[in-house]
C-alpha atoms as a PDB file:
ATOM      1  CA  MET A   1       0.000   0.000   0.000  1.00  0.00           C
ATOM      2  CA  ALA A   2       1.040   3.586  -0.447  1.00  0.00           C
ATOM      3  CA  THR A   3       2.680   5.087   2.657  1.00  0.00           C
ATOM      4  CA  LYS A   4       0.287   8.060   2.594  1.00  0.00           C
ATOM      5  CA  PRO A   5      -3.098   8.322   0.913  1.00  0.00           C
ATOM      6  CA  LEU A   6      -2.834   9.298  -2.732  1.00  0.00           C
ATOM      7  CA  LYS A   7      -4.608  12.367  -4.069  1.00  0.00           C
ATOM      8  CA  LEU A   8      -6.071  12.830  -7.515  1.00  0.00           C
ATOM      9  CA  ALA A   9      -3.153  15.070  -8.562  1.00  0.00           C
ATOM     10  CA  ASP A  10      -0.760  12.150  -7.938  1.00  0.00           C
ATOM     11  CA  PHE A  11      -2.177  10.379 -11.009  1.00  0.00           C
ATOM     12  CA  GLU A  12      -1.831  13.281 -13.438  1.00  0.00           C
ATOM     13  CA  GLY A  13       0.278  12.524 -16.489  1.00  0.00           C
ATOM     14  CA  ASP A  14       1.135   9.743 -18.895  1.00  0.00           C
ATOM     15  CA  TRP A  15       1.638   6.066 -18.108  1.00  0.00           C
ATOM     16  CA  THR A  16       2.549   2.910 -19.999  1.00  0.00           C
ATOM     17  CA  LEU A  17      -0.257   0.396 -19.552  1.00  0.00           C
ATOM     18  CA  THR A  18       0.047  -3.374 -19.962  1.00  0.00           C
ATOM     19  CA  ARG A  19      -2.859  -5.654 -19.156  1.00  0.00           C
ATOM     20  CA  ARG A  20      -3.330  -9.410 -19.066  1.00  0.00           C
ATOM     21  CA  ILE A  21      -6.855 -10.802 -19.289  1.00  0.00           C
ATOM     22  CA  LEU A  22      -7.140 -14.334 -17.963  1.00  0.00           C
ATOM     23  CA  GLN A  23     -10.463 -15.939 -18.801  1.00  0.00           C
ATOM     24  CA  LYS A  24     -11.729 -19.222 -17.444  1.00  0.00           C
ATOM     25  CA  ASP A  25     -11.971 -21.747 -20.290  1.00  0.00           C
ATOM     26  CA  ALA A  26     -10.533 -19.348 -22.900  1.00  0.00           C
ATOM     27  CA  PRO A  27      -7.073 -18.266 -24.048  1.00  0.00           C
ATOM     28  CA  ALA A  28      -5.461 -15.281 -22.358  1.00  0.00           C
ATOM     29  CA  ALA A  29      -5.550 -11.851 -23.993  1.00  0.00           C
ATOM     30  CA  ARG A  30      -3.120  -8.926 -23.767  1.00  0.00           C
ATOM     31  CA  PHE A  31      -3.576  -5.163 -23.991  1.00  0.00           C
ATOM     32  CA  GLU A  32      -0.620  -2.810 -24.483  1.00  0.00           C
ATOM     33  CA  GLY A  33      -0.929   0.939 -24.655  1.00  0.00           C
ATOM     34  CA  THR A  34      -0.985   4.145 -22.666  1.00  0.00           C
ATOM     35  CA  ALA A  35      -3.103   5.718 -19.952  1.00  0.00           C
ATOM     36  CA  ARG A  36      -3.431   9.447 -19.374  1.00  0.00           C
ATOM     37  CA  TRP A  37      -4.968  11.485 -16.563  1.00  0.00           C
ATOM     38  CA  LEU A  38      -5.515  15.151 -17.494  1.00  0.00           C
ATOM     39  CA  PRO A  39      -7.191  17.938 -15.497  1.00  0.00           C
ATOM     40  CA  ASP A  40     -10.705  18.553 -16.775  1.00  0.00           C
ATOM     41  CA  GLY A  41     -13.052  20.824 -14.853  1.00  0.00           C
ATOM     42  CA  ASP A  42     -13.660  19.479 -11.362  1.00  0.00           C
ATOM     43  CA  GLY A  43     -11.446  16.415 -11.703  1.00  0.00           C
ATOM     44  CA  MET A  44      -9.465  14.541 -14.305  1.00  0.00           C
ATOM     45  CA  ALA A  45     -10.303  12.861 -17.561  1.00  0.00           C
ATOM     46  CA  TYR A  46      -8.849   9.353 -17.819  1.00  0.00           C
ATOM     47  CA  HIS A  47      -8.189   7.930 -21.256  1.00  0.00           C
ATOM     48  CA  GLU A  48      -6.488   4.671 -22.158  1.00  0.00           C
ATOM     49  CA  SER A  49      -5.768   3.458 -25.660  1.00  0.00           C
ATOM     50  CA  GLY A  50      -3.787   0.647 -27.162  1.00  0.00           C
ATOM     51  CA  THR A  51      -3.807  -2.699 -28.889  1.00  0.00           C
ATOM     52  CA  LEU A  52      -5.741  -5.749 -27.705  1.00  0.00           C
ATOM     53  CA  THR A  53      -4.336  -9.103 -28.799  1.00  0.00           C
ATOM     54  CA  LEU A  54      -6.467 -12.267 -28.593  1.00  0.00           C
ATOM     55  CA  VAL A  55      -5.130 -15.679 -29.561  1.00  0.00           C
ATOM     56  CA  GLY A  56      -6.109 -16.529 -33.131  1.00  0.00           C
ATOM     57  CA  GLN A  57      -7.453 -13.035 -33.901  1.00  0.00           C
ATOM     58  CA  PRO A  58      -5.869 -10.028 -35.598  1.00  0.00           C
ATOM     59  CA  PRO A  59      -4.845  -7.298 -33.116  1.00  0.00           C
ATOM     60  CA  MET A  60      -7.481  -4.617 -32.582  1.00  0.00           C
ATOM     61  CA  GLN A  61      -7.451  -1.083 -31.221  1.00  0.00           C
ATOM     62  CA  GLY A  62      -9.247  -0.372 -27.986  1.00  0.00           C
ATOM     63  CA  GLU A  63      -9.852   2.521 -25.640  1.00  0.00           C
ATOM     64  CA  ARG A  64     -11.675   3.482 -22.434  1.00  0.00           C
ATOM     65  CA  ARG A  65     -12.599   6.813 -20.879  1.00  0.00           C
ATOM     66  CA  TYR A  66     -13.627   7.667 -17.341  1.00  0.00           C
ATOM     67  CA  ARG A  67     -13.917  10.761 -15.135  1.00  0.00           C
ATOM     68  CA  TRP A  68     -12.051  10.856 -11.839  1.00  0.00           C
ATOM     69  CA  HIS A  69     -13.067  13.290  -9.095  1.00  0.00           C
ATOM     70  CA  GLU A  70     -11.049  14.786  -6.209  1.00  0.00           C
ATOM     71  CA  ASP A  71     -12.400  12.193  -3.756  1.00  0.00           C
ATOM     72  CA  LEU A  72     -11.010   9.434  -6.046  1.00  0.00           C
ATOM     73  CA  THR A  73     -14.449   8.406  -7.224  1.00  0.00           C
ATOM     74  CA  VAL A  74     -14.470   7.073 -10.779  1.00  0.00           C
ATOM     75  CA  TRP A  75     -17.411   7.722 -13.095  1.00  0.00           C
ATOM     76  CA  PHE A  76     -18.385   6.356 -16.491  1.00  0.00           C
ATOM     77  CA  GLU A  77     -18.467   8.843 -19.376  1.00  0.00           C
ATOM     78  CA  ASP A  78     -22.267   8.937 -19.209  1.00  0.00           C
ATOM     79  CA  GLY A  79     -22.163  10.151 -15.590  1.00  0.00           C
ATOM     80  CA  ARG A  80     -22.917   6.868 -13.797  1.00  0.00           C
ATOM     81  CA  PHE A  81     -20.875   6.055 -10.681  1.00  0.00           C
ATOM     82  CA  PHE A  82     -18.316   3.242 -11.148  1.00  0.00           C
ATOM     83  CA  HIS A  83     -16.324   2.907  -7.888  1.00  0.00           C
ATOM     84  CA  GLN A  84     -14.083   4.738  -5.423  1.00  0.00           C
ATOM     85  CA  VAL A  85     -10.330   4.150  -5.423  1.00  0.00           C
ATOM     86  CA  PRO A  86      -8.920   3.493  -1.924  1.00  0.00           C
ATOM     87  CA  GLY A  87      -6.300   6.233  -1.427  1.00  0.00           C
ATOM     88  CA  GLN A  88      -3.823   3.881   0.230  1.00  0.00           C
ATOM     89  CA  GLY A  89      -4.630   0.940  -2.002  1.00  0.00           C
ATOM     90  CA  GLY A  90      -6.846  -1.999  -1.250  1.00  0.00           C
ATOM     91  CA  ALA A  91     -10.144  -3.480  -2.311  1.00  0.00           C
ATOM     92  CA  THR A  92     -13.309  -1.993  -3.749  1.00  0.00           C
ATOM     93  CA  GLY A  93     -15.849  -3.041  -6.356  1.00  0.00           C
ATOM     94  CA  HIS A  94     -18.841  -2.433  -8.547  1.00  0.00           C
ATOM     95  CA  TRP A  95     -22.069  -4.372  -8.975  1.00  0.00           C
ATOM     96  CA  CYS A  96     -23.399  -4.323 -12.549  1.00  0.00           C
ATOM     97  CA  ASP A  97     -26.373  -6.662 -12.483  1.00  0.00           C
ATOM     98  CA  PRO A  98     -25.866  -9.582 -12.838  1.00  0.00           C
ATOM     99  CA  ASP A  99     -22.053  -9.277 -12.641  1.00  0.00           C
ATOM    100  CA  LEU A 100     -19.732  -8.466  -9.751  1.00  0.00           C
ATOM    101  CA  TYR A 101     -16.560  -6.487 -10.464  1.00  0.00           C
ATOM    102  CA  ARG A 102     -14.028  -6.628  -7.598  1.00  0.00           C
ATOM    103  CA  VAL A 103     -10.704  -4.798  -7.757  1.00  0.00           C
ATOM    104  CA  GLN A 104      -7.509  -4.505  -5.732  1.00  0.00           C
ATOM    105  CA  TYR A 105      -5.474  -1.323  -6.131  1.00  0.00           C
ATOM    106  CA  ARG A 106      -1.836  -2.081  -5.330  1.00  0.00           C
ATOM    107  CA  PHE A 107       0.209   1.070  -4.734  1.00  0.00           C
ATOM    108  CA  GLY A 108       3.192  -0.562  -2.966  1.00  0.00           C
ATOM    109  CA  ARG A 109       5.628   0.358  -5.782  1.00  0.00           C
ATOM    110  CA  TRP A 110       4.314   3.892  -6.318  1.00  0.00           C
ATOM    111  CA  PRO A 111       4.630   5.761  -8.639  1.00  0.00           C
ATOM    112  CA  ASP A 112       4.127   2.507 -10.575  1.00  0.00           C
ATOM    113  CA  PHE A 113       1.049   0.523  -9.577  1.00  0.00           C
ATOM    114  CA  GLU A 114      -1.150  -2.446 -10.392  1.00  0.00           C
ATOM    115  CA  THR A 115      -4.870  -3.134 -10.441  1.00  0.00           C
ATOM    116  CA  VAL A 116      -6.335  -6.632 -10.344  1.00  0.00           C
ATOM    117  CA  TRP A 117      -9.973  -6.955 -11.384  1.00  0.00           C
ATOM    118  CA  ARG A 118     -11.894 -10.188 -10.822  1.00  0.00           C
ATOM    119  CA  VAL A 119     -15.197 -10.318 -12.671  1.00  0.00           C
ATOM    120  CA  THR A 120     -17.794 -13.004 -12.043  1.00  0.00           C
ATOM    121  CA  GLY A 121     -21.340 -13.503 -13.209  1.00  0.00           C
ATOM    122  CA  PRO A 122     -23.553 -15.909 -15.119  1.00  0.00           C
ATOM    123  CA  ARG A 123     -21.493 -15.518 -18.310  1.00  0.00           C
ATOM    124  CA  LYS A 124     -18.330 -13.850 -16.989  1.00  0.00           C
ATOM    125  CA  ASN A 125     -15.371 -15.311 -15.147  1.00  0.00           C
ATOM    126  CA  TYR A 126     -12.073 -13.542 -15.699  1.00  0.00           C
ATOM    127  CA  ALA A 127      -9.208 -11.681 -14.070  1.00  0.00           C
ATOM    128  CA  MET A 128      -7.705  -8.534 -15.549  1.00  0.00           C
ATOM    129  CA  ILE A 129      -4.260  -7.519 -14.274  1.00  0.00           C
ATOM    130  CA  SER A 130      -3.130  -4.024 -15.296  1.00  0.00           C
ATOM    131  CA  ASN A 131       0.300  -2.521 -14.684  1.00  0.00           C
ATOM    132  CA  PHE A 132       0.800   1.250 -14.878  1.00  0.00           C
ATOM    133  CA  ILE A 133       4.341   2.628 -15.228  1.00  0.00           C
ATOM    134  CA  ARG A 134       4.718   6.403 -15.073  1.00  0.00           C
ATOM    135  CA  LEU A 135       6.297   7.883 -18.190  1.00  0.00           C
ATOM    136  CA  ASP A 136       6.877  11.381 -16.880  1.00  0.00           C
ATOM    137  CA  ALA A 137       8.291  10.652 -13.411  1.00  0.00           C
END
C-alpha cells in the first residue's frame, strides 16, 4: 500500500499500460498501450488506448474513458458512478447486475502501480491484471 493516501493530482500525467486478461476456459488476452490522466473541470479525464491481442485473432485497437473526481471516485463517461479508489490501495468493487466487479489497487511500488480486477457472473469469469508505469516521473 502507499505510505500516505494518494490524491487525484498524484495520477496526473502519462503512463505505460500493460494488461493481461485471464479468462476461465478461454485463451489469455493482452492489452498494451498508454493511460493518461488530465485535469478537466472538477477532476481529471482518464483515457487509455492501445492494442488488444487475442489468440487466433488479428490485433485490434481499444480505448476506455472515465472521469475521476477529487475524492477518487471514478465515473463512467455517461455520468454513472463506477467505484471509489482506496487512497492507500486496497479493495473496492462495482455491482453491474448480474455481474460483480471486484478490484484490488496495489500502490506498494508507487509511482508505478497495479490493479487486479476479478469479474464473475452468469457468463463472466475472468481476471484482468493491469500494470501502470509512469512515463513522466
